[in-house]
Amino acid sequence: MRREFYRLAAVAALAALLPGCVSTAVAVVKAPFQVVGQTADWLTVSQDEADRNRGREIRRNEERDAKAARKAAKRERERLEDRPER
């Protein structure tokens, strides 16, 4: 009778601990795949990211060109102001 009680208690204890073991085993099995997936995400650029980066590059180029045009216009105005009257 006692032996059966201990067996039943052992089975109940294992049954209570088993879900934790299963979830841990699943996490251990999934970990390498998650690491590979995260690494691939870090190393590759999505189309959305590429579009956003290209837009930033175009905007920077336009700002640089506009600044150069403003400087050229200012130099031209100064050149015309410094020119003697005829």
N, C-alpha and C. Protein backbone atom coordinates (compact mmCIF):
# COMPACT_ATOMS: atom_id res chain seq x y z
N MET A 1 0.82 -1.18 0.00
CA MET A 1 0.00 0.00 0.00
C MET A 1 0.87 1.26 0.00
N ARG A 2 1.86 1.31 0.87
CA ARG A 2 2.74 2.46 0.91
C ARG A 2 3.50 2.60 -0.39
N ARG A 3 3.92 1.49 -0.94
CA ARG A 3 4.67 1.51 -2.20
C ARG A 3 3.83 2.11 -3.31
N GLU A 4 2.58 1.76 -3.39
CA GLU A 4 1.69 2.32 -4.39
C GLU A 4 1.49 3.83 -4.16
N PHE A 5 1.41 4.23 -2.89
CA PHE A 5 1.26 5.64 -2.57
C PHE A 5 2.47 6.43 -3.04
N TYR A 6 3.67 5.89 -2.80
CA TYR A 6 4.90 6.58 -3.23
C TYR A 6 4.98 6.65 -4.75
N ARG A 7 4.57 5.56 -5.41
CA ARG A 7 4.56 5.58 -6.88
C ARG A 7 3.59 6.64 -7.40
N LEU A 8 2.43 6.69 -6.80
CA LEU A 8 1.43 7.66 -7.19
C LEU A 8 1.93 9.09 -6.93
N ALA A 9 2.59 9.31 -5.81
CA ALA A 9 3.14 10.62 -5.48
C ALA A 9 4.25 11.00 -6.46
N ALA A 10 5.09 10.02 -6.82
CA ALA A 10 6.17 10.29 -7.77
C ALA A 10 5.60 10.64 -9.13
N VAL A 11 4.60 9.90 -9.57
CA VAL A 11 3.97 10.17 -10.87
C VAL A 11 3.31 11.55 -10.84
N ALA A 12 2.66 11.91 -9.75
CA ALA A 12 2.00 13.21 -9.63
C ALA A 12 3.05 14.33 -9.66
N ALA A 13 4.18 14.12 -8.98
CA ALA A 13 5.25 15.13 -8.97
C ALA A 13 5.84 15.28 -10.36
N LEU A 14 6.06 14.17 -11.06
CA LEU A 14 6.59 14.25 -12.42
C LEU A 14 5.60 14.92 -13.36
N ALA A 15 4.33 14.60 -13.18
CA ALA A 15 3.31 15.22 -14.03
C ALA A 15 3.25 16.73 -13.79
N ALA A 16 3.47 17.15 -12.56
CA ALA A 16 3.45 18.58 -12.27
C ALA A 16 4.68 19.27 -12.86
N LEU A 17 5.81 18.58 -12.90
CA LEU A 17 7.05 19.18 -13.41
C LEU A 17 7.18 19.05 -14.93
N LEU A 18 6.48 18.11 -15.52
CA LEU A 18 6.62 17.84 -16.95
C LEU A 18 6.30 19.02 -17.84
N PRO A 19 5.25 19.81 -17.62
CA PRO A 19 5.00 20.96 -18.51
C PRO A 19 6.17 21.95 -18.53
N GLY A 20 6.81 22.15 -17.40
CA GLY A 20 7.98 23.01 -17.36
C GLY A 20 9.11 22.43 -18.18
N CYS A 21 9.30 21.13 -18.11
CA CYS A 21 10.36 20.48 -18.87
C CYS A 21 10.07 20.57 -20.37
N VAL A 22 8.83 20.38 -20.74
CA VAL A 22 8.47 20.44 -22.15
C VAL A 22 8.67 21.84 -22.70
N SER A 23 8.25 22.84 -21.96
CA SER A 23 8.42 24.20 -22.45
C SER A 23 9.90 24.57 -22.52
N THR A 24 10.70 24.09 -21.57
CA THR A 24 12.14 24.35 -21.62
C THR A 24 12.76 23.64 -22.81
N ALA A 25 12.35 22.41 -23.06
CA ALA A 25 12.89 21.66 -24.20
C ALA A 25 12.52 22.35 -25.51
N VAL A 26 11.31 22.84 -25.60
CA VAL A 26 10.88 23.55 -26.82
C VAL A 26 11.71 24.82 -27.00
N ALA A 27 11.95 25.53 -25.91
CA ALA A 27 12.75 26.76 -25.99
C ALA A 27 14.17 26.46 -26.43
N VAL A 28 14.74 25.37 -25.93
CA VAL A 28 16.11 24.98 -26.30
C VAL A 28 16.17 24.59 -27.77
N VAL A 29 15.17 23.91 -28.26
CA VAL A 29 15.15 23.49 -29.66
C VAL A 29 14.94 24.70 -30.57
N LYS A 30 14.12 25.66 -30.17
CA LYS A 30 13.82 26.81 -31.01
C LYS A 30 14.94 27.86 -31.01
N ALA A 31 15.76 27.89 -29.99
CA ALA A 31 16.76 28.94 -29.83
C ALA A 31 17.69 29.09 -31.04
N PRO A 32 18.29 28.01 -31.56
CA PRO A 32 19.20 28.20 -32.70
C PRO A 32 18.50 28.80 -33.92
N PHE A 33 17.26 28.42 -34.16
CA PHE A 33 16.53 28.95 -35.30
C PHE A 33 16.21 30.43 -35.10
N GLN A 34 15.89 30.81 -33.88
CA GLN A 34 15.63 32.22 -33.59
C GLN A 34 16.89 33.06 -33.77
N VAL A 35 18.03 32.51 -33.35
CA VAL A 35 19.29 33.23 -33.50
C VAL A 35 19.61 33.42 -34.98
N VAL A 36 19.44 32.38 -35.78
CA VAL A 36 19.70 32.48 -37.22
C VAL A 36 18.75 33.49 -37.86
N GLY A 37 17.50 33.46 -37.49
CA GLY A 37 16.53 34.40 -38.03
C GLY A 37 16.86 35.84 -37.67
N GLN A 38 17.25 36.08 -36.43
CA GLN A 38 17.60 37.44 -36.00
C GLN A 38 18.86 37.91 -36.73
N THR A 39 19.83 37.02 -36.90
CA THR A 39 21.05 37.38 -37.62
C THR A 39 20.73 37.73 -39.06
N ALA A 40 19.87 36.96 -39.69
CA ALA A 40 19.48 37.26 -41.06
C ALA A 40 18.78 38.61 -41.15
N ASP A 41 17.96 38.93 -40.15
CA ASP A 41 17.29 40.24 -40.13
C ASP A 41 18.30 41.37 -40.02
N TRP A 42 19.33 41.17 -39.21
CA TRP A 42 20.35 42.21 -39.03
C TRP A 42 21.19 42.39 -40.28
N LEU A 43 21.44 41.29 -41.01
CA LEU A 43 22.35 41.35 -42.15
C LEU A 43 21.67 41.74 -43.45
N THR A 44 20.38 41.63 -43.53
CA THR A 44 19.68 41.96 -44.77
C THR A 44 18.87 43.23 -44.60
N VAL A 45 18.60 43.87 -45.71
CA VAL A 45 17.82 45.10 -45.71
C VAL A 45 16.50 44.82 -46.43
N SER A 46 15.41 45.13 -45.76
CA SER A 46 14.11 44.91 -46.39
C SER A 46 13.89 45.98 -47.45
N GLN A 47 12.93 45.75 -48.30
CA GLN A 47 12.61 46.72 -49.36
C GLN A 47 12.17 48.04 -48.75
N ASP A 48 11.42 47.98 -47.67
CA ASP A 48 10.97 49.21 -47.00
C ASP A 48 12.16 50.00 -46.47
N GLU A 49 13.12 49.30 -45.85
CA GLU A 49 14.31 49.99 -45.35
C GLU A 49 15.13 50.57 -46.50
N ALA A 50 15.25 49.83 -47.58
CA ALA A 50 16.01 50.31 -48.74
C ALA A 50 15.35 51.56 -49.32
N ASP A 51 14.03 51.55 -49.42
CA ASP A 51 13.30 52.73 -49.94
C ASP A 51 13.51 53.93 -49.03
N ARG A 52 13.42 53.70 -47.72
CA ARG A 52 13.60 54.79 -46.77
C ARG A 52 15.02 55.36 -46.85
N ASN A 53 16.02 54.48 -46.94
CA ASN A 53 17.41 54.94 -47.05
C ASN A 53 17.63 55.70 -48.34
N ARG A 54 17.04 55.24 -49.43
CA ARG A 54 17.19 55.92 -50.72
C ARG A 54 16.54 57.30 -50.66
N GLY A 55 15.38 57.41 -50.01
CA GLY A 55 14.72 58.69 -49.85
C GLY A 55 15.57 59.67 -49.06
N ARG A 56 16.20 59.17 -48.00
CA ARG A 56 17.09 60.03 -47.20
C ARG A 56 18.26 60.51 -48.04
N GLU A 57 18.83 59.62 -48.82
CA GLU A 57 19.97 59.99 -49.67
C GLU A 57 19.57 61.06 -50.69
N ILE A 58 18.41 60.88 -51.31
CA ILE A 58 17.93 61.86 -52.29
C ILE A 58 17.70 63.21 -51.62
N ARG A 59 17.09 63.20 -50.42
CA ARG A 59 16.83 64.44 -49.69
C ARG A 59 18.14 65.14 -49.34
N ARG A 60 19.14 64.39 -48.89
CA ARG A 60 20.44 65.00 -48.57
C ARG A 60 21.07 65.62 -49.81
N ASN A 61 20.99 64.90 -50.94
CA ASN A 61 21.55 65.44 -52.18
C ASN A 61 20.84 66.73 -52.60
N GLU A 62 19.50 66.74 -52.48
CA GLU A 62 18.75 67.94 -52.84
C GLU A 62 19.11 69.11 -51.93
N GLU A 63 19.27 68.84 -50.63
CA GLU A 63 19.65 69.90 -49.70
C GLU A 63 21.05 70.43 -50.03
N ARG A 64 21.97 69.53 -50.36
CA ARG A 64 23.32 69.95 -50.72
C ARG A 64 23.30 70.80 -51.99
N ASP A 65 22.52 70.38 -52.99
CA ASP A 65 22.43 71.14 -54.24
C ASP A 65 21.79 72.51 -54.01
N ALA A 66 20.76 72.56 -53.17
CA ALA A 66 20.10 73.84 -52.88
C ALA A 66 21.05 74.78 -52.16
N LYS A 67 21.84 74.24 -51.23
CA LYS A 67 22.82 75.07 -50.51
C LYS A 67 23.86 75.61 -51.48
N ALA A 68 24.34 74.77 -52.40
CA ALA A 68 25.33 75.22 -53.39
C ALA A 68 24.72 76.30 -54.29
N ALA A 69 23.46 76.14 -54.66
CA ALA A 69 22.80 77.15 -55.51
C ALA A 69 22.65 78.47 -54.76
N ARG A 70 22.30 78.43 -53.46
CA ARG A 70 22.20 79.65 -52.67
C ARG A 70 23.55 80.36 -52.57
N LYS A 71 24.61 79.58 -52.34
CA LYS A 71 25.94 80.18 -52.25
C LYS A 71 26.35 80.81 -53.58
N ALA A 72 26.04 80.14 -54.69
CA ALA A 72 26.38 80.68 -56.01
C ALA A 72 25.60 81.96 -56.27
N ALA A 73 24.33 81.99 -55.90
CA ALA A 73 23.51 83.19 -56.10
C ALA A 73 24.03 84.34 -55.25
N LYS A 74 24.45 84.04 -54.03
CA LYS A 74 24.99 85.08 -53.16
C LYS A 74 26.29 85.63 -53.74
N ARG A 75 27.17 84.75 -54.21
CA ARG A 75 28.42 85.20 -54.83
C ARG A 75 28.14 86.09 -56.04
N GLU A 76 27.16 85.71 -56.83
CA GLU A 76 26.81 86.48 -58.02
C GLU A 76 26.28 87.86 -57.63
N ARG A 77 25.41 87.92 -56.62
CA ARG A 77 24.91 89.22 -56.15
C ARG A 77 26.04 90.10 -55.66
N GLU A 78 26.94 89.51 -54.87
CA GLU A 78 28.08 90.28 -54.36
C GLU A 78 28.97 90.76 -55.50
N ARG A 79 29.16 89.93 -56.51
CA ARG A 79 29.99 90.30 -57.66
C ARG A 79 29.35 91.47 -58.40
N LEU A 80 28.03 91.41 -58.56
CA LEU A 80 27.34 92.50 -59.26
C LEU A 80 27.35 93.79 -58.45
N GLU A 81 27.28 93.70 -57.12
CA GLU A 81 27.29 94.88 -56.27
C GLU A 81 28.67 95.55 -56.26
N ASP A 82 29.72 94.73 -56.36
CA ASP A 82 31.08 95.27 -56.31
C ASP A 82 31.52 95.84 -57.65
N ARG A 83 30.80 95.59 -58.71
CA ARG A 83 31.17 96.05 -60.03
C ARG A 83 30.97 97.57 -60.13
N PRO A 84 31.94 98.29 -60.64
CA PRO A 84 31.79 99.74 -60.75
C PRO A 84 30.70 100.11 -61.76
N GLU A 85 30.08 101.24 -61.52
CA GLU A 85 29.05 101.76 -62.42
C GLU A 85 29.69 102.35 -63.67
N ARG A 86 29.03 102.25 -64.78
CA ARG A 86 29.57 102.81 -66.03
C ARG A 86 28.87 104.05 -66.42
